[in-house]
Amino acid sequence: MSQDLHAQGATVAGSAIWQRTGAGIRMAFELALHRNISTAAIPFAQLNRRHRVWGACVIADRWLALQRGEALTVDLDDCDAPLPFPYPDHCSLGTDREPCFRFHQEVTKLSILLGRIYRLSCSPRGLDRADDLALYKFQADLDAWLAQIPSQWPYVNASPTHVEGIDVPEAASIMNLLIVAVEFTFLRGFSWPASRLPAHITFRPAPQRWPTLVDRALTAVAWLLTPQGAFYLDIWDMMIYPTSAFFEMTSP
């Protein structure tokens, strides 16, 4: 997901990321990573690794499609693989270990939400194929997801066997930037639509969402101006669109 790994020119690199990610997703389908396979066939820890790789496929598919304006590759109606497991591969539910992969799990959830609103509002036909119920459900599901995400993202549990726990201080800032992009994708069709909203769409986002989004975006830009923010913007291609979305929000 870094352009520098694919080519020197941004245009060629972006095309290469898109094509190679597509090839990777096809390989994942061939390995049945999109299916929920029984532990009688594959050991528990290996299943957790499979689900985590599949989550990465969904994340890459959604964010690259958004950035490039392309069609989604993965149709989740054809998939039944569970979300990535938040705990270490060998652990079971109810563990007292820190959920070291929860950030990956939550980005997967957010990417699934992104795919939903992308299909509803970003096709060439805009909101023509959407309906009020789907939009209300998306808004409710996004708010429910926002309400349950943590403010800190510890990686391992501090214990007598560890000198100290490993914190990931940039995780909250990265998550905030990704939330800006999803929220912006949701609101932009109602803020300055290129054409008149379809007559059958009576749904309108809650008024408070826009100022809340602006506050999030200002926080994200302040972080991007730090060395840490600039580093992640440079190495992670899917962060480019959320950054450009802020400038589109503030342009006349």
Protein backbone atom coordinates (compact mmCIF):
# COMPACT_ATOMS: atom_id res chain seq x y z
CA MET A 1 0.00 0.00 0.00
CA SER A 2 2.99 2.31 -0.55
CA GLN A 3 3.34 3.86 -3.99
CA ASP A 4 7.13 3.84 -3.76
CA LEU A 5 7.06 0.02 -3.74
CA HIS A 6 5.43 -0.10 -7.18
CA ALA A 7 6.86 2.65 -9.39
CA GLN A 8 8.42 6.10 -9.31
CA GLY A 9 5.64 8.03 -11.03
CA ALA A 10 2.42 8.52 -9.03
CA THR A 11 0.14 7.63 -11.95
CA VAL A 12 1.97 4.41 -12.79
CA ALA A 13 2.33 3.51 -9.11
CA GLY A 14 -1.36 4.05 -8.42
CA SER A 15 -2.34 1.83 -11.34
CA ALA A 16 0.10 -0.86 -10.19
CA ILE A 17 -1.31 -0.83 -6.65
CA TRP A 18 -4.82 -1.23 -8.02
CA GLN A 19 -3.93 -4.12 -10.33
CA ARG A 20 -1.70 -5.97 -7.86
CA THR A 21 -4.23 -5.62 -5.06
CA GLY A 22 -6.83 -7.08 -7.41
CA ALA A 23 -4.53 -10.02 -8.14
CA GLY A 24 -4.00 -10.51 -4.40
CA ILE A 25 -7.75 -10.55 -3.78
CA ARG A 26 -8.19 -13.18 -6.53
CA MET A 27 -5.54 -15.28 -4.81
CA ALA A 28 -7.41 -14.88 -1.50
CA PHE A 29 -10.61 -16.08 -3.15
CA GLU A 30 -8.74 -19.07 -4.57
CA LEU A 31 -7.49 -19.92 -1.07
CA ALA A 32 -11.08 -19.52 0.23
CA LEU A 33 -10.03 -16.84 2.71
CA HIS A 34 -13.50 -15.33 2.23
CA ARG A 35 -15.17 -18.45 3.68
CA ASN A 36 -15.82 -19.41 7.29
CA ILE A 37 -14.03 -22.74 7.53
CA SER A 38 -14.46 -25.16 10.45
CA THR A 39 -11.70 -25.63 13.01
CA ALA A 40 -12.04 -29.35 12.26
CA ALA A 41 -10.36 -28.62 8.91
CA ILE A 42 -7.88 -25.88 9.87
CA PRO A 43 -6.26 -25.20 13.27
CA PHE A 44 -7.70 -22.32 15.29
CA ALA A 45 -4.58 -20.14 15.12
CA GLN A 46 -4.27 -20.56 11.36
CA LEU A 47 -7.94 -19.63 10.93
CA ASN A 48 -7.29 -16.40 12.79
CA ARG A 49 -4.42 -15.58 10.44
CA ARG A 50 -6.64 -16.33 7.42
CA HIS A 51 -9.36 -14.02 8.73
CA ARG A 52 -6.82 -11.26 9.34
CA VAL A 53 -5.47 -11.50 5.79
CA TRP A 54 -9.02 -11.47 4.41
CA GLY A 55 -9.74 -8.35 6.48
CA ALA A 56 -6.71 -6.73 4.83
CA CYS A 57 -8.16 -7.61 1.40
CA VAL A 58 -11.45 -5.92 2.27
CA ILE A 59 -9.65 -2.85 3.63
CA ALA A 60 -7.47 -2.47 0.54
CA ASP A 61 -10.38 -3.04 -1.84
CA ARG A 62 -12.61 -0.38 -0.27
CA TRP A 63 -10.03 2.34 0.16
CA LEU A 64 -8.39 1.93 -3.23
CA ALA A 65 -11.79 1.96 -4.94
CA LEU A 66 -12.70 5.17 -3.11
CA GLN A 67 -9.40 6.85 -3.93
CA ARG A 68 -9.50 5.93 -7.62
CA GLY A 69 -13.26 6.05 -8.21
CA GLU A 70 -13.24 2.40 -9.29
CA ALA A 71 -15.81 -0.36 -8.77
CA LEU A 72 -15.50 -2.53 -5.68
CA THR A 73 -13.97 -5.96 -6.27
CA VAL A 74 -15.26 -7.77 -3.18
CA ASP A 75 -19.01 -8.36 -2.83
CA LEU A 76 -19.49 -9.30 0.81
CA ASP A 77 -22.79 -10.98 0.00
CA ASP A 78 -20.63 -13.78 -1.42
CA CYS A 79 -18.48 -14.04 1.72
CA ASP A 80 -19.05 -15.45 5.19
CA ALA A 81 -15.61 -15.12 6.77
CA PRO A 82 -15.87 -13.55 10.23
CA LEU A 83 -14.15 -10.33 11.21
CA PRO A 84 -10.46 -10.51 12.15
CA PHE A 85 -9.94 -11.89 15.66
CA PRO A 86 -8.84 -9.06 18.01
CA TYR A 87 -6.67 -11.29 20.23
CA PRO A 88 -3.42 -13.17 19.51
CA ASP A 89 -3.89 -16.08 17.13
CA HIS A 90 -3.61 -18.82 19.75
CA CYS A 91 -6.01 -17.24 22.27
CA SER A 92 -9.70 -17.97 22.69
CA LEU A 93 -12.53 -15.59 23.60
CA GLY A 94 -12.56 -14.49 27.21
CA THR A 95 -8.79 -14.11 27.28
CA ASP A 96 -7.18 -11.66 29.68
CA ARG A 97 -4.66 -10.59 27.04
CA GLU A 98 -4.90 -7.21 25.35
CA PRO A 99 -6.78 -7.31 22.03
CA CYS A 100 -3.62 -6.61 20.06
CA PHE A 101 -5.36 -6.87 16.68
CA ARG A 102 -8.41 -4.80 17.57
CA PHE A 103 -7.20 -1.86 15.49
CA HIS A 104 -7.12 -4.13 12.45
CA GLN A 105 -10.58 -5.45 13.33
CA GLU A 106 -12.04 -1.95 13.69
CA VAL A 107 -10.51 -0.71 10.44
CA THR A 108 -12.08 -3.73 8.76
CA LYS A 109 -15.47 -2.78 10.23
CA LEU A 110 -15.03 0.82 9.10
CA SER A 111 -14.02 -0.34 5.63
CA ILE A 112 -17.17 -2.44 5.39
CA LEU A 113 -19.19 0.66 6.29
CA LEU A 114 -17.26 2.60 3.66
CA GLY A 115 -18.17 0.01 1.05
CA ARG A 116 -21.84 0.35 1.94
CA ILE A 117 -21.99 4.12 1.53
CA TYR A 118 -19.77 3.96 -1.53
CA ARG A 119 -22.28 1.67 -3.23
CA LEU A 120 -25.18 3.84 -2.09
CA SER A 121 -23.88 7.24 -3.20
CA CYS A 122 -20.74 7.00 -5.34
CA SER A 123 -21.85 4.99 -8.35
CA PRO A 124 -22.19 6.79 -11.70
CA ARG A 125 -25.91 6.99 -10.94
CA GLY A 126 -25.39 8.71 -7.59
CA LEU A 127 -28.25 8.18 -5.16
CA ASP A 128 -30.68 6.91 -7.81
CA ARG A 129 -30.37 3.31 -6.60
CA ALA A 130 -30.37 4.21 -2.89
CA ASP A 131 -33.41 4.37 -0.65
CA ASP A 132 -34.22 6.07 2.63
CA LEU A 133 -34.14 2.88 4.68
CA ALA A 134 -30.60 1.99 3.56
CA LEU A 135 -29.38 5.52 4.34
CA TYR A 136 -31.02 5.61 7.78
CA LYS A 137 -29.56 2.18 8.54
CA PHE A 138 -26.09 3.28 7.44
CA GLN A 139 -26.25 6.38 9.65
CA ALA A 140 -27.37 4.30 12.65
CA ASP A 141 -24.69 1.65 12.07
CA LEU A 142 -21.95 4.25 11.66
CA ASP A 143 -22.98 5.97 14.90
CA ALA A 144 -23.09 2.62 16.72
CA TRP A 145 -19.60 1.80 15.48
CA LEU A 146 -18.29 5.24 16.50
CA ALA A 147 -19.73 4.80 20.00
CA GLN A 148 -17.81 1.58 20.67
CA ILE A 149 -14.31 2.36 19.41
CA PRO A 150 -11.71 2.87 22.17
CA SER A 151 -9.71 6.03 22.66
CA GLN A 152 -6.45 4.11 23.16
CA TRP A 153 -5.05 1.14 21.28
CA PRO A 154 -2.65 -0.87 23.49
CA TYR A 155 -0.78 -3.58 21.62
CA VAL A 156 0.25 -5.95 24.42
CA ASN A 157 -0.67 -6.29 28.07
CA ALA A 158 1.88 -5.05 30.59
CA SER A 159 2.73 -8.00 32.82
CA PRO A 160 5.68 -9.36 34.85
CA THR A 161 6.99 -10.91 31.62
CA HIS A 162 7.03 -7.54 29.85
CA VAL A 163 9.02 -4.49 30.89
CA GLU A 164 6.09 -2.35 29.81
CA GLY A 165 3.12 -2.48 27.53
CA ILE A 166 3.50 -1.25 23.97
CA ASP A 167 1.20 1.65 23.16
CA VAL A 168 0.44 2.73 19.60
CA PRO A 169 -0.01 6.50 19.94
CA GLU A 170 -0.60 7.13 16.24
CA ALA A 171 -3.43 4.60 15.96
CA ALA A 172 -6.08 7.04 17.23
CA SER A 173 -4.94 9.72 14.79
CA ILE A 174 -4.93 7.30 11.84
CA MET A 175 -8.41 6.10 12.80
CA ASN A 176 -9.66 9.69 13.07
CA LEU A 177 -8.38 10.44 9.56
CA LEU A 178 -10.13 7.37 8.13
CA ILE A 179 -13.36 8.34 9.90
CA VAL A 180 -13.15 11.77 8.22
CA ALA A 181 -13.12 10.08 4.81
CA VAL A 182 -16.07 7.78 5.54
CA GLU A 183 -18.15 10.59 7.05
CA PHE A 184 -17.27 12.89 4.16
CA THR A 185 -18.27 10.23 1.63
CA PHE A 186 -21.60 9.96 3.45
CA LEU A 187 -22.31 13.70 3.63
CA ARG A 188 -20.96 15.02 0.35
CA GLY A 189 -23.91 13.79 -1.73
CA PHE A 190 -26.24 15.90 0.44
CA SER A 191 -24.00 18.94 0.80
CA TRP A 192 -23.37 20.11 -2.73
CA PRO A 193 -24.83 17.50 -5.09
CA ALA A 194 -23.71 17.76 -8.71
CA SER A 195 -27.33 17.17 -9.68
CA ARG A 196 -30.68 17.41 -7.93
CA LEU A 197 -31.28 14.74 -5.30
CA PRO A 198 -33.64 12.01 -6.52
CA ALA A 199 -37.26 12.68 -5.63
CA HIS A 200 -37.60 9.37 -3.79
CA ILE A 201 -34.82 10.27 -1.32
CA THR A 202 -36.32 12.17 1.62
CA PHE A 203 -33.52 11.20 4.03
CA ARG A 204 -31.20 13.98 5.19
CA PRO A 205 -28.20 13.49 7.51
CA ALA A 206 -28.44 14.85 11.03
CA PRO A 207 -27.44 18.58 10.97
CA GLN A 208 -24.77 18.15 13.66
CA ARG A 209 -22.77 15.75 11.51
CA TRP A 210 -21.18 18.46 9.38
CA PRO A 211 -19.64 20.60 12.20
CA THR A 212 -18.53 17.39 13.92
CA LEU A 213 -16.83 16.32 10.69
CA VAL A 214 -15.09 19.68 10.36
CA ASP A 215 -13.75 19.37 13.92
CA ARG A 216 -12.45 15.88 13.13
CA ALA A 217 -10.84 17.13 9.94
CA LEU A 218 -9.07 19.99 11.72
CA THR A 219 -7.68 17.51 14.24
CA ALA A 220 -6.55 15.24 11.40
CA VAL A 221 -4.79 18.06 9.54
CA ALA A 222 -3.00 19.19 12.71
CA TRP A 223 -1.69 15.62 13.10
CA LEU A 224 -0.66 15.38 9.44
CA LEU A 225 1.50 18.48 9.92
CA THR A 226 3.56 16.64 12.55
CA PRO A 227 6.51 14.43 11.56
CA GLN A 228 4.55 11.33 12.61
CA GLY A 229 1.55 12.25 10.48
CA ALA A 230 3.71 13.11 7.49
CA PHE A 231 5.47 9.74 7.81
CA TYR A 232 2.24 7.74 7.61
CA LEU A 233 0.94 9.90 4.77
CA ASP A 234 4.12 9.10 2.85
CA ILE A 235 4.09 5.32 3.35
CA TRP A 236 0.37 4.42 3.35
CA ASP A 237 -1.36 5.14 0.07
CA MET A 238 -4.90 4.84 1.44
CA MET A 239 -4.35 7.96 3.58
CA ILE A 240 -4.02 10.23 0.54
CA TYR A 241 -7.74 10.47 -0.24
CA PRO A 242 -8.83 11.36 3.33
CA THR A 243 -6.30 14.18 3.27
CA SER A 244 -7.49 15.52 -0.08
CA ALA A 245 -11.10 15.25 1.14
CA PHE A 246 -10.41 17.92 3.77
CA PHE A 247 -9.31 20.41 1.14
CA GLU A 248 -12.41 19.63 -0.93
CA MET A 249 -14.54 20.27 2.15
CA THR A 250 -13.02 23.71 2.67
CA SER A 251 -12.86 24.81 -0.99
CA PRO A 252 -15.48 27.37 -2.13
